[in-house]
Amino acid sequence: MDWSSFPREKTDCILCGSSSSRLLSVQKTWPVVRCSECGLVYLSERPAEKALTDMYSKAYYEDGDVGYKGYIRIFEKYHDTFMKIFSRRHRDLLRHARGKRLLEIGCAYGFLLDYLSSRGWEVQGVEISPLSSEYARNELGLDVQTGSIESADLKEHSYDVILLLDVLEHLHRPYDILGRIRELLSPEGILVVQCPWELYHWEEFSEAIIRGMRPGTIEPDSVPAHLYFFQPRTLDAVLRKGGFRIYGRQSGNYGSIRRQVNPPVISAGNPIERFGRYVYFRLGLQRFLYFAARLLHLGNGMIRYAIPDEDGQQ
């Protein structure tokens, strides 16, 4: 798919409203900028919202250049690794949730919902992709609606947990969605958000330096599907602006599946970069640093547990 062909719209910073920004790079014709006022990194030109259905078509799940390559095939091949990820998620939810009525926004093919359903959760999902939502309904028998939570038929104040996993960075109108989530949560309900920490995470910061580039200028993930490239500070600020109070934080390391599908290339780049890759990947430095990062909450996956803030801005 020609991702540069989507109709475009320009946007200012969604966090502080500033139109002042510094260009970091241009990726696949899409400009990645950093807000001069608050530091949020985002696409200053992005696909128009009306193009979302086309964006999350079969190409997103099959081509692999922006989204996934053979989503179902990868799930089946690396099933054991997915089960470990799902099991960890399940344990975390049991520690935080007061009930088992759960809604996942952006549930894709519904594999996590299917796992949780088999463990006693009452699950529903909403997914914008007709392709993956149809699979969740027809193949897994799940209650998954096609569309957004604004268009879906959902009962207010009826969910103990709402999952927003790797979704916030895709949303054109995040505050509208967060406002709708507030309406859907039960009185003791929680929101679980997961986002990648991109570009200014220590790992990508170091990669840029080794490659002789300015920090923040390497290629981020999934352009132009990802509209924002959060850091812990900016993610927390967006959630607060959306009317949520964060009461729990976790840190994880993305890439356990990706490293199996596409093992890192060692002999690439300049001599310094090749030496760094050898030490990092082959001699176990990455495994050690990932272990330390999880303990220090510096992993490249950010997880937030939040509840509606009655004194919040939304």
C-alpha atoms as a PDB file:
ATOM      1  CA  MET A   1       0.000   0.000   0.000  1.00  0.00           C
ATOM      2  CA  ASP A   2       1.163   3.531  -0.772  1.00  0.00           C
ATOM      3  CA  TRP A   3       0.913   5.054   2.692  1.00  0.00           C
ATOM      4  CA  SER A   4       1.877   8.493   1.388  1.00  0.00           C
ATOM      5  CA  SER A   5      -1.263   8.657  -0.768  1.00  0.00           C
ATOM      6  CA  PHE A   6      -3.765   9.082   2.082  1.00  0.00           C
ATOM      7  CA  PRO A   7      -5.571  12.433   2.282  1.00  0.00           C
ATOM      8  CA  ARG A   8      -3.850  14.648   4.828  1.00  0.00           C
ATOM      9  CA  GLU A   9      -4.657  17.153   7.505  1.00  0.00           C
ATOM     10  CA  LYS A  10      -2.365  19.491   9.407  1.00  0.00           C
ATOM     11  CA  THR A  11      -2.486  19.707  13.170  1.00  0.00           C
ATOM     12  CA  ASP A  12      -0.999  21.640  16.067  1.00  0.00           C
ATOM     13  CA  CYS A  13       0.112  20.101  19.342  1.00  0.00           C
ATOM     14  CA  ILE A  14      -2.803  18.250  20.980  1.00  0.00           C
ATOM     15  CA  LEU A  15      -1.301  18.702  24.437  1.00  0.00           C
ATOM     16  CA  CYS A  16      -0.669  22.447  24.706  1.00  0.00           C
ATOM     17  CA  GLY A  17      -2.205  23.748  21.464  1.00  0.00           C
ATOM     18  CA  SER A  18       0.996  25.365  20.262  1.00  0.00           C
ATOM     19  CA  SER A  19       1.680  25.627  16.540  1.00  0.00           C
ATOM     20  CA  SER A  20       5.394  26.107  17.171  1.00  0.00           C
ATOM     21  CA  SER A  21       7.459  22.979  16.572  1.00  0.00           C
ATOM     22  CA  ARG A  22      10.852  21.739  15.440  1.00  0.00           C
ATOM     23  CA  LEU A  23      11.141  19.273  12.577  1.00  0.00           C
ATOM     24  CA  LEU A  24      12.912  16.076  13.643  1.00  0.00           C
ATOM     25  CA  SER A  25      12.633  14.039  10.462  1.00  0.00           C
ATOM     26  CA  VAL A  26      10.427  13.189   7.510  1.00  0.00           C
ATOM     27  CA  GLN A  27       9.385   9.541   7.417  1.00  0.00           C
ATOM     28  CA  LYS A  28       7.682   8.154   4.308  1.00  0.00           C
ATOM     29  CA  THR A  29       6.765  11.794   3.431  1.00  0.00           C
ATOM     30  CA  TRP A  30       5.211  12.383   6.896  1.00  0.00           C
ATOM     31  CA  PRO A  31       6.847  15.115   9.058  1.00  0.00           C
ATOM     32  CA  VAL A  32       7.740  14.158  12.630  1.00  0.00           C
ATOM     33  CA  VAL A  33       8.013  17.238  14.857  1.00  0.00           C
ATOM     34  CA  ARG A  34       8.585  18.111  18.494  1.00  0.00           C
ATOM     35  CA  CYS A  35       6.464  20.799  20.110  1.00  0.00           C
ATOM     36  CA  SER A  36       8.593  23.788  21.090  1.00  0.00           C
ATOM     37  CA  GLU A  37       6.431  24.449  24.152  1.00  0.00           C
ATOM     38  CA  CYS A  38       5.666  21.108  25.818  1.00  0.00           C
ATOM     39  CA  GLY A  39       7.911  18.619  24.014  1.00  0.00           C
ATOM     40  CA  LEU A  40       5.217  16.320  22.609  1.00  0.00           C
ATOM     41  CA  VAL A  41       6.459  14.530  19.481  1.00  0.00           C
ATOM     42  CA  TYR A  42       3.826  14.070  16.795  1.00  0.00           C
ATOM     43  CA  LEU A  43       3.022  14.081  13.077  1.00  0.00           C
ATOM     44  CA  SER A  44       2.315  17.668  12.080  1.00  0.00           C
ATOM     45  CA  GLU A  45       0.706  16.289   8.915  1.00  0.00           C
ATOM     46  CA  ARG A  46      -1.292  13.124   9.438  1.00  0.00           C
ATOM     47  CA  PRO A  47      -3.770  10.940   7.542  1.00  0.00           C
ATOM     48  CA  ALA A  48      -7.245  12.448   7.608  1.00  0.00           C
ATOM     49  CA  GLU A  49      -9.578  10.727  10.048  1.00  0.00           C
ATOM     50  CA  LYS A  50     -11.916   9.766   7.196  1.00  0.00           C
ATOM     51  CA  ALA A  51      -9.135   7.517   5.840  1.00  0.00           C
ATOM     52  CA  LEU A  52      -8.961   5.288   8.929  1.00  0.00           C
ATOM     53  CA  THR A  53     -11.045   2.434   7.557  1.00  0.00           C
ATOM     54  CA  ASP A  54      -8.793   2.245   4.508  1.00  0.00           C
ATOM     55  CA  MET A  55      -5.675   2.500   6.667  1.00  0.00           C
ATOM     56  CA  TYR A  56      -6.617  -0.417   8.918  1.00  0.00           C
ATOM     57  CA  SER A  57      -7.479  -2.696   6.035  1.00  0.00           C
ATOM     58  CA  LYS A  58      -5.900  -6.012   5.120  1.00  0.00           C
ATOM     59  CA  ALA A  59      -2.678  -4.232   4.165  1.00  0.00           C
ATOM     60  CA  TYR A  60      -2.116  -3.048   7.766  1.00  0.00           C
ATOM     61  CA  TYR A  61      -2.234  -6.620   9.052  1.00  0.00           C
ATOM     62  CA  GLU A  62      -0.458  -8.292   6.147  1.00  0.00           C
ATOM     63  CA  ASP A  63       2.079  -6.003   4.438  1.00  0.00           C
ATOM     64  CA  GLY A  64       4.310  -5.421   7.453  1.00  0.00           C
ATOM     65  CA  ASP A  65       5.678  -2.041   6.345  1.00  0.00           C
ATOM     66  CA  VAL A  66       3.518  -0.025   8.755  1.00  0.00           C
ATOM     67  CA  GLY A  67       1.465  -2.503  10.762  1.00  0.00           C
ATOM     68  CA  TYR A  68       1.870  -6.266  10.912  1.00  0.00           C
ATOM     69  CA  LYS A  69       2.941  -8.936   8.472  1.00  0.00           C
ATOM     70  CA  GLY A  70       0.726 -11.988   8.653  1.00  0.00           C
ATOM     71  CA  TYR A  71      -0.921 -11.177  12.007  1.00  0.00           C
ATOM     72  CA  ILE A  72      -2.749 -14.497  12.405  1.00  0.00           C
ATOM     73  CA  ARG A  73       0.182 -16.541  11.149  1.00  0.00           C
ATOM     74  CA  ILE A  74       2.520 -14.825  13.631  1.00  0.00           C
ATOM     75  CA  PHE A  75       0.088 -15.430  16.480  1.00  0.00           C
ATOM     76  CA  GLU A  76      -0.118 -19.125  15.641  1.00  0.00           C
ATOM     77  CA  LYS A  77       3.629 -19.539  15.156  1.00  0.00           C
ATOM     78  CA  TYR A  78       4.621 -17.736  18.368  1.00  0.00           C
ATOM     79  CA  HIS A  79       1.614 -18.833  20.366  1.00  0.00           C
ATOM     80  CA  ASP A  80       3.603 -19.690  23.498  1.00  0.00           C
ATOM     81  CA  THR A  81       5.174 -16.237  23.643  1.00  0.00           C
ATOM     82  CA  PHE A  82       1.769 -14.588  23.247  1.00  0.00           C
ATOM     83  CA  MET A  83       0.399 -16.757  26.050  1.00  0.00           C
ATOM     84  CA  LYS A  84       3.157 -15.550  28.380  1.00  0.00           C
ATOM     85  CA  ILE A  85       2.312 -11.937  27.525  1.00  0.00           C
ATOM     86  CA  PHE A  86      -1.409 -12.556  28.053  1.00  0.00           C
ATOM     87  CA  SER A  87      -0.784 -14.386  31.328  1.00  0.00           C
ATOM     88  CA  ARG A  88       1.211 -11.447  32.662  1.00  0.00           C
ATOM     89  CA  ARG A  89      -1.560  -9.074  31.605  1.00  0.00           C
ATOM     90  CA  HIS A  90      -4.136 -11.267  33.338  1.00  0.00           C
ATOM     91  CA  ARG A  91      -2.181 -11.302  36.607  1.00  0.00           C
ATOM     92  CA  ASP A  92      -1.836  -7.524  36.506  1.00  0.00           C
ATOM     93  CA  LEU A  93      -5.551  -7.047  35.883  1.00  0.00           C
ATOM     94  CA  LEU A  94      -6.472  -9.282  38.806  1.00  0.00           C
ATOM     95  CA  ARG A  95      -4.383  -7.068  41.090  1.00  0.00           C
ATOM     96  CA  HIS A  96      -6.105  -3.871  39.977  1.00  0.00           C
ATOM     97  CA  ALA A  97      -9.679  -4.638  38.911  1.00  0.00           C
ATOM     98  CA  ARG A  98     -12.700  -4.656  41.228  1.00  0.00           C
ATOM     99  CA  GLY A  99     -14.827  -6.643  38.779  1.00  0.00           C
ATOM    100  CA  LYS A 100     -14.559  -8.694  35.601  1.00  0.00           C
ATOM    101  CA  ARG A 101     -16.644  -6.764  33.067  1.00  0.00           C
ATOM    102  CA  LEU A 102     -14.046  -5.739  30.514  1.00  0.00           C
ATOM    103  CA  LEU A 103     -14.046  -3.738  27.281  1.00  0.00           C
ATOM    104  CA  GLU A 104     -11.055  -3.601  24.949  1.00  0.00           C
ATOM    105  CA  ILE A 105     -10.878  -0.670  22.539  1.00  0.00           C
ATOM    106  CA  GLY A 106      -8.875  -1.566  19.453  1.00  0.00           C
ATOM    107  CA  CYS A 107      -8.983  -5.297  20.121  1.00  0.00           C
ATOM    108  CA  ALA A 108      -7.743  -6.312  16.625  1.00  0.00           C
ATOM    109  CA  TYR A 109      -8.474 -10.013  16.075  1.00  0.00           C
ATOM    110  CA  GLY A 110      -9.568 -10.490  19.681  1.00  0.00           C
ATOM    111  CA  PHE A 111      -6.859 -12.889  20.838  1.00  0.00           C
ATOM    112  CA  LEU A 112      -6.416 -11.223  24.239  1.00  0.00           C
ATOM    113  CA  LEU A 113     -10.177 -11.037  24.746  1.00  0.00           C
ATOM    114  CA  ASP A 114     -10.458 -14.741  23.924  1.00  0.00           C
ATOM    115  CA  TYR A 115      -7.772 -15.535  26.488  1.00  0.00           C
ATOM    116  CA  LEU A 116      -9.462 -13.463  29.203  1.00  0.00           C
ATOM    117  CA  SER A 117     -12.881 -14.890  28.362  1.00  0.00           C
ATOM    118  CA  SER A 118     -11.550 -18.398  28.953  1.00  0.00           C
ATOM    119  CA  ARG A 119     -10.515 -17.257  32.428  1.00  0.00           C
ATOM    120  CA  GLY A 120     -13.872 -15.970  33.545  1.00  0.00           C
ATOM    121  CA  TRP A 121     -13.934 -12.410  32.284  1.00  0.00           C
ATOM    122  CA  GLU A 122     -17.078 -10.975  30.702  1.00  0.00           C
ATOM    123  CA  VAL A 123     -15.537  -9.383  27.625  1.00  0.00           C
ATOM    124  CA  GLN A 124     -16.534  -7.063  24.807  1.00  0.00           C
ATOM    125  CA  GLY A 125     -14.481  -5.336  22.156  1.00  0.00           C
ATOM    126  CA  VAL A 126     -14.569  -2.473  19.683  1.00  0.00           C
ATOM    127  CA  GLU A 127     -12.346  -2.475  16.604  1.00  0.00           C
ATOM    128  CA  ILE A 128     -12.230  -0.047  13.690  1.00  0.00           C
ATOM    129  CA  SER A 129     -10.951  -2.641  11.210  1.00  0.00           C
ATOM    130  CA  PRO A 130     -13.769  -4.574   9.519  1.00  0.00           C
ATOM    131  CA  LEU A 131     -11.311  -7.347   8.685  1.00  0.00           C
ATOM    132  CA  SER A 132     -10.095  -8.130  12.199  1.00  0.00           C
ATOM    133  CA  SER A 133     -13.388  -7.434  13.991  1.00  0.00           C
ATOM    134  CA  GLU A 134     -15.195  -9.859  11.677  1.00  0.00           C
ATOM    135  CA  TYR A 135     -12.607 -12.515  12.526  1.00  0.00           C
ATOM    136  CA  ALA A 136     -13.141 -11.923  16.261  1.00  0.00           C
ATOM    137  CA  ARG A 137     -16.890 -12.384  15.856  1.00  0.00           C
ATOM    138  CA  ASN A 138     -17.003 -15.245  13.374  1.00  0.00           C
ATOM    139  CA  GLU A 139     -13.948 -17.296  14.316  1.00  0.00           C
ATOM    140  CA  LEU A 140     -13.692 -16.666  18.071  1.00  0.00           C
ATOM    141  CA  GLY A 141     -17.357 -16.014  18.847  1.00  0.00           C
ATOM    142  CA  LEU A 142     -16.595 -12.753  20.635  1.00  0.00           C
ATOM    143  CA  ASP A 143     -18.856  -9.757  21.159  1.00  0.00           C
ATOM    144  CA  VAL A 144     -16.839  -7.298  19.082  1.00  0.00           C
ATOM    145  CA  GLN A 145     -18.365  -4.309  17.324  1.00  0.00           C
ATOM    146  CA  THR A 146     -16.878  -2.696  14.234  1.00  0.00           C
ATOM    147  CA  GLY A 147     -16.271   1.033  14.539  1.00  0.00           C
ATOM    148  CA  SER A 148     -15.276   3.407  17.325  1.00  0.00           C
ATOM    149  CA  ILE A 149     -16.554   3.610  20.887  1.00  0.00           C
ATOM    150  CA  GLU A 150     -18.431   6.730  19.835  1.00  0.00           C
ATOM    151  CA  SER A 151     -20.485   4.779  17.311  1.00  0.00           C
ATOM    152  CA  ALA A 152     -20.673   1.459  19.175  1.00  0.00           C
ATOM    153  CA  ASP A 153     -23.745   0.442  21.153  1.00  0.00           C
ATOM    154  CA  LEU A 154     -22.287   0.319  24.658  1.00  0.00           C
ATOM    155  CA  LYS A 155     -23.980   0.687  28.019  1.00  0.00           C
ATOM    156  CA  GLU A 156     -22.719   3.526  30.182  1.00  0.00           C
ATOM    157  CA  HIS A 157     -21.191   2.917  33.640  1.00  0.00           C
ATOM    158  CA  SER A 158     -21.010  -0.827  32.990  1.00  0.00           C
ATOM    159  CA  TYR A 159     -17.311  -1.723  32.620  1.00  0.00           C
ATOM    160  CA  ASP A 160     -14.952  -2.509  35.462  1.00  0.00           C
ATOM    161  CA  VAL A 161     -11.944  -2.400  33.140  1.00  0.00           C
ATOM    162  CA  ILE A 162     -11.388  -0.662  29.823  1.00  0.00           C
ATOM    163  CA  LEU A 163      -8.224  -1.553  27.926  1.00  0.00           C
ATOM    164  CA  LEU A 164      -6.569   0.966  25.626  1.00  0.00           C
ATOM    165  CA  LEU A 165      -3.502  -1.006  24.603  1.00  0.00           C
ATOM    166  CA  ASP A 166      -1.296   0.465  21.877  1.00  0.00           C
ATOM    167  CA  VAL A 167      -4.227   2.606  20.742  1.00  0.00           C
ATOM    168  CA  LEU A 168      -3.844   6.106  22.210  1.00  0.00           C
ATOM    169  CA  GLU A 169      -1.018   6.927  19.801  1.00  0.00           C
ATOM    170  CA  HIS A 170      -3.397   6.232  16.866  1.00  0.00           C
ATOM    171  CA  LEU A 171      -6.265   8.514  17.910  1.00  0.00           C
ATOM    172  CA  HIS A 172      -7.100  11.724  16.062  1.00  0.00           C
ATOM    173  CA  ARG A 173      -9.337  12.956  18.909  1.00  0.00           C
ATOM    174  CA  PRO A 174      -7.905  11.389  22.071  1.00  0.00           C
ATOM    175  CA  TYR A 175      -9.793  13.640  24.465  1.00  0.00           C
ATOM    176  CA  ASP A 176     -13.151  12.777  22.931  1.00  0.00           C
ATOM    177  CA  ILE A 177     -12.337   9.097  23.323  1.00  0.00           C
ATOM    178  CA  LEU A 178     -11.119   9.544  26.902  1.00  0.00           C
ATOM    179  CA  GLY A 179     -14.310  11.439  27.677  1.00  0.00           C
ATOM    180  CA  ARG A 180     -16.395   8.571  26.316  1.00  0.00           C
ATOM    181  CA  ILE A 181     -14.368   6.100  28.378  1.00  0.00           C
ATOM    182  CA  ARG A 182     -15.211   8.073  31.500  1.00  0.00           C
ATOM    183  CA  GLU A 183     -18.909   7.608  30.687  1.00  0.00           C
ATOM    184  CA  LEU A 184     -18.521   3.871  30.148  1.00  0.00           C
ATOM    185  CA  LEU A 185     -16.571   3.028  33.302  1.00  0.00           C
ATOM    186  CA  SER A 186     -18.398   1.718  36.344  1.00  0.00           C
ATOM    187  CA  PRO A 187     -18.083   3.706  39.600  1.00  0.00           C
ATOM    188  CA  GLU A 188     -14.984   1.719  40.563  1.00  0.00           C
ATOM    189  CA  GLY A 189     -13.828   1.057  37.014  1.00  0.00           C
ATOM    190  CA  ILE A 190     -10.267   1.534  35.802  1.00  0.00           C
ATOM    191  CA  LEU A 191      -8.625   2.455  32.515  1.00  0.00           C
ATOM    192  CA  VAL A 192      -5.484   0.580  31.467  1.00  0.00           C
ATOM    193  CA  VAL A 193      -3.346   2.368  28.874  1.00  0.00           C
ATOM    194  CA  GLN A 194      -0.283   0.998  27.160  1.00  0.00           C
ATOM    195  CA  CYS A 195       1.909   2.972  24.757  1.00  0.00           C
ATOM    196  CA  PRO A 196       5.406   2.663  23.349  1.00  0.00           C
ATOM    197  CA  TRP A 197       8.059   5.081  24.564  1.00  0.00           C
ATOM    198  CA  GLU A 198       9.615   6.165  21.285  1.00  0.00           C
ATOM    199  CA  LEU A 199      12.490   8.254  19.931  1.00  0.00           C
ATOM    200  CA  TYR A 200      13.686   9.631  23.278  1.00  0.00           C
ATOM    201  CA  HIS A 201      13.774   6.309  25.094  1.00  0.00           C
ATOM    202  CA  TRP A 202      17.330   5.532  26.215  1.00  0.00           C
ATOM    203  CA  GLU A 203      17.652   2.690  23.718  1.00  0.00           C
ATOM    204  CA  GLU A 204      16.672   4.751  20.669  1.00  0.00           C
ATOM    205  CA  PHE A 205      18.522   7.792  22.019  1.00  0.00           C
ATOM    206  CA  SER A 206      21.704   5.697  22.143  1.00  0.00           C
ATOM    207  CA  GLU A 207      21.052   4.220  18.701  1.00  0.00           C
ATOM    208  CA  ALA A 208      20.838   7.699  17.206  1.00  0.00           C
ATOM    209  CA  ILE A 209      24.134   8.760  18.814  1.00  0.00           C
ATOM    210  CA  ILE A 210      25.939   5.631  17.629  1.00  0.00           C
ATOM    211  CA  ARG A 211      24.639   6.207  14.104  1.00  0.00           C
ATOM    212  CA  GLY A 212      25.883   9.786  14.167  1.00  0.00           C
ATOM    213  CA  MET A 213      22.365  11.261  14.213  1.00  0.00           C
ATOM    214  CA  ARG A 214      20.655  13.753  16.480  1.00  0.00           C
ATOM    215  CA  PRO A 215      18.479  12.180  19.198  1.00  0.00           C
ATOM    216  CA  GLY A 216      14.869  11.916  18.053  1.00  0.00           C
ATOM    217  CA  THR A 217      15.691  11.739  14.353  1.00  0.00           C
ATOM    218  CA  ILE A 218      15.749   7.976  13.748  1.00  0.00           C
ATOM    219  CA  GLU A 219      12.668   6.331  12.251  1.00  0.00           C
ATOM    220  CA  PRO A 220       9.881   5.769  14.796  1.00  0.00           C
ATOM    221  CA  ASP A 221       7.489   2.852  14.588  1.00  0.00           C
ATOM    222  CA  SER A 222       4.435   2.589  12.326  1.00  0.00           C
ATOM    223  CA  VAL A 223       4.373   5.945  10.545  1.00  0.00           C
ATOM    224  CA  PRO A 224       1.761   7.179   9.608  1.00  0.00           C
ATOM    225  CA  ALA A 225      -0.477   4.973  11.791  1.00  0.00           C
ATOM    226  CA  HIS A 226       1.164   6.353  14.946  1.00  0.00           C
ATOM    227  CA  LEU A 227       0.276  10.017  15.280  1.00  0.00           C
ATOM    228  CA  TYR A 228       2.127  10.668  18.567  1.00  0.00           C
ATOM    229  CA  PHE A 229       5.406   9.372  19.970  1.00  0.00           C
ATOM    230  CA  PHE A 230       5.045   9.594  23.716  1.00  0.00           C
ATOM    231  CA  GLN A 231       7.494   9.917  26.546  1.00  0.00           C
ATOM    232  CA  PRO A 232       6.412   9.213  30.148  1.00  0.00           C
ATOM    233  CA  ARG A 233       5.886  12.904  30.860  1.00  0.00           C
ATOM    234  CA  THR A 234       3.786  13.618  27.772  1.00  0.00           C
ATOM    235  CA  LEU A 235       1.723  10.425  28.124  1.00  0.00           C
ATOM    236  CA  ASP A 236       0.870  11.313  31.716  1.00  0.00           C
ATOM    237  CA  ALA A 237      -0.019  14.868  30.694  1.00  0.00           C
ATOM    238  CA  VAL A 238      -2.402  13.686  27.959  1.00  0.00           C
ATOM    239  CA  LEU A 239      -4.202  11.388  30.397  1.00  0.00           C
ATOM    240  CA  ARG A 240      -4.511  14.158  32.970  1.00  0.00           C
ATOM    241  CA  LYS A 241      -5.838  16.551  30.350  1.00  0.00           C
ATOM    242  CA  GLY A 242      -8.318  13.845  29.372  1.00  0.00           C
ATOM    243  CA  GLY A 243      -9.721  13.851  32.892  1.00  0.00           C
ATOM    244  CA  PHE A 244      -7.929  10.882  34.454  1.00  0.00           C
ATOM    245  CA  ARG A 245      -5.869  10.458  37.582  1.00  0.00           C
ATOM    246  CA  ILE A 246      -2.998   7.995  37.263  1.00  0.00           C
ATOM    247  CA  TYR A 247      -2.653   5.765  40.299  1.00  0.00           C
ATOM    248  CA  GLY A 248      -0.356   3.042  38.980  1.00  0.00           C
ATOM    249  CA  ARG A 249       2.577   2.764  36.582  1.00  0.00           C
ATOM    250  CA  GLN A 250       4.331  -0.207  35.082  1.00  0.00           C
ATOM    251  CA  SER A 251       7.215  -0.531  32.697  1.00  0.00           C
ATOM    252  CA  GLY A 252       7.717  -3.293  30.168  1.00  0.00           C
ATOM    253  CA  ASN A 253       9.913  -4.115  27.220  1.00  0.00           C
ATOM    254  CA  TYR A 254       8.357  -4.255  23.782  1.00  0.00           C
ATOM    255  CA  GLY A 255       9.669  -6.530  21.094  1.00  0.00           C
ATOM    256  CA  SER A 256       9.627 -10.120  22.358  1.00  0.00           C
ATOM    257  CA  ILE A 257       7.616 -11.182  19.306  1.00  0.00           C
ATOM    258  CA  ARG A 258       9.378  -8.865  16.882  1.00  0.00           C
ATOM    259  CA  ARG A 259      12.820 -10.122  17.912  1.00  0.00           C
ATOM    260  CA  GLN A 260      11.736 -13.640  17.014  1.00  0.00           C
ATOM    261  CA  VAL A 261      10.131 -12.662  13.718  1.00  0.00           C
ATOM    262  CA  ASN A 262      12.958 -10.337  12.665  1.00  0.00           C
ATOM    263  CA  PRO A 263      16.173 -11.086  14.569  1.00  0.00           C
ATOM    264  CA  PRO A 264      18.430  -8.023  14.844  1.00  0.00           C
ATOM    265  CA  VAL A 265      20.979  -7.522  12.081  1.00  0.00           C
ATOM    266  CA  ILE A 266      24.496  -7.357  13.490  1.00  0.00           C
ATOM    267  CA  SER A 267      26.590  -6.437  10.443  1.00  0.00           C
ATOM    268  CA  ALA A 268      24.894  -3.166   9.524  1.00  0.00           C
ATOM    269  CA  GLY A 269      25.990   0.457   9.584  1.00  0.00           C
ATOM    270  CA  ASN A 270      29.398   1.942  10.225  1.00  0.00           C
ATOM    271  CA  PRO A 271      32.149   0.034  12.121  1.00  0.00           C
ATOM    272  CA  ILE A 272      31.214   1.617  15.439  1.00  0.00           C
ATOM    273  CA  GLU A 273      27.581   0.701  14.929  1.00  0.00           C
ATOM    274  CA  ARG A 274      28.450  -2.894  13.988  1.00  0.00           C
ATOM    275  CA  PHE A 275      30.630  -3.256  17.076  1.00  0.00           C
ATOM    276  CA  GLY A 276      27.876  -1.788  19.237  1.00  0.00           C
ATOM    277  CA  ARG A 277      25.318  -4.181  17.754  1.00  0.00           C
ATOM    278  CA  TYR A 278      27.581  -7.169  18.423  1.00  0.00           C
ATOM    279  CA  VAL A 279      28.091  -6.223  22.064  1.00  0.00           C
ATOM    280  CA  TYR A 280      24.437  -5.279  22.545  1.00  0.00           C
ATOM    281  CA  PHE A 281      22.749  -8.256  20.911  1.00  0.00           C
ATOM    282  CA  ARG A 282      25.281 -11.084  20.849  1.00  0.00           C
ATOM    283  CA  LEU A 283      27.061 -10.580  24.174  1.00  0.00           C
ATOM    284  CA  GLY A 284      23.858 -10.161  26.176  1.00  0.00           C
ATOM    285  CA  LEU A 285      24.022  -6.460  27.006  1.00  0.00           C
ATOM    286  CA  GLN A 286      20.436  -5.937  25.801  1.00  0.00           C
ATOM    287  CA  ARG A 287      19.076  -8.695  28.073  1.00  0.00           C
ATOM    288  CA  PHE A 288      20.848  -7.191  31.075  1.00  0.00           C
ATOM    289  CA  LEU A 289      19.677  -3.648  30.319  1.00  0.00           C
ATOM    290  CA  TYR A 290      16.094  -4.778  29.677  1.00  0.00           C
ATOM    291  CA  PHE A 291      16.072  -6.530  33.054  1.00  0.00           C
ATOM    292  CA  ALA A 292      17.371  -3.385  34.753  1.00  0.00           C
ATOM    293  CA  ALA A 293      14.958  -1.196  32.781  1.00  0.00           C
ATOM    294  CA  ARG A 294      11.949  -3.136  34.030  1.00  0.00           C
ATOM    295  CA  LEU A 295      13.086  -2.718  37.635  1.00  0.00           C
ATOM    296  CA  LEU A 296      13.775   0.998  37.156  1.00  0.00           C
ATOM    297  CA  HIS A 297      10.587   1.680  35.154  1.00  0.00           C
ATOM    298  CA  LEU A 298      12.644   2.595  32.104  1.00  0.00           C
ATOM    299  CA  GLY A 299      11.378  -0.036  29.665  1.00  0.00           C
ATOM    300  CA  ASN A 300      10.197   0.993  26.208  1.00  0.00           C
ATOM    301  CA  GLY A 301       6.617   0.029  27.020  1.00  0.00           C
ATOM    302  CA  MET A 302       4.659   2.369  29.308  1.00  0.00           C
ATOM    303  CA  ILE A 303       1.602   1.094  31.186  1.00  0.00           C
ATOM    304  CA  ARG A 304      -0.702   3.362  33.161  1.00  0.00           C
ATOM    305  CA  TYR A 305      -3.610   2.534  35.472  1.00  0.00           C
ATOM    306  CA  ALA A 306      -6.018   5.425  35.817  1.00  0.00           C
ATOM    307  CA  ILE A 307      -9.426   6.381  37.167  1.00  0.00           C
ATOM    308  CA  PRO A 308     -11.647   9.339  36.281  1.00  0.00           C
ATOM    309  CA  ASP A 309     -10.568  12.441  38.155  1.00  0.00           C
ATOM    310  CA  GLU A 310     -13.604  14.274  39.463  1.00  0.00           C
ATOM    311  CA  ASP A 311     -11.517  17.430  39.592  1.00  0.00           C
ATOM    312  CA  GLY A 312      -9.988  16.797  36.144  1.00  0.00           C
ATOM    313  CA  GLN A 313     -10.179  19.048  33.120  1.00  0.00           C
ATOM    314  CA  GLN A 314     -12.659  16.995  31.125  1.00  0.00           C
END
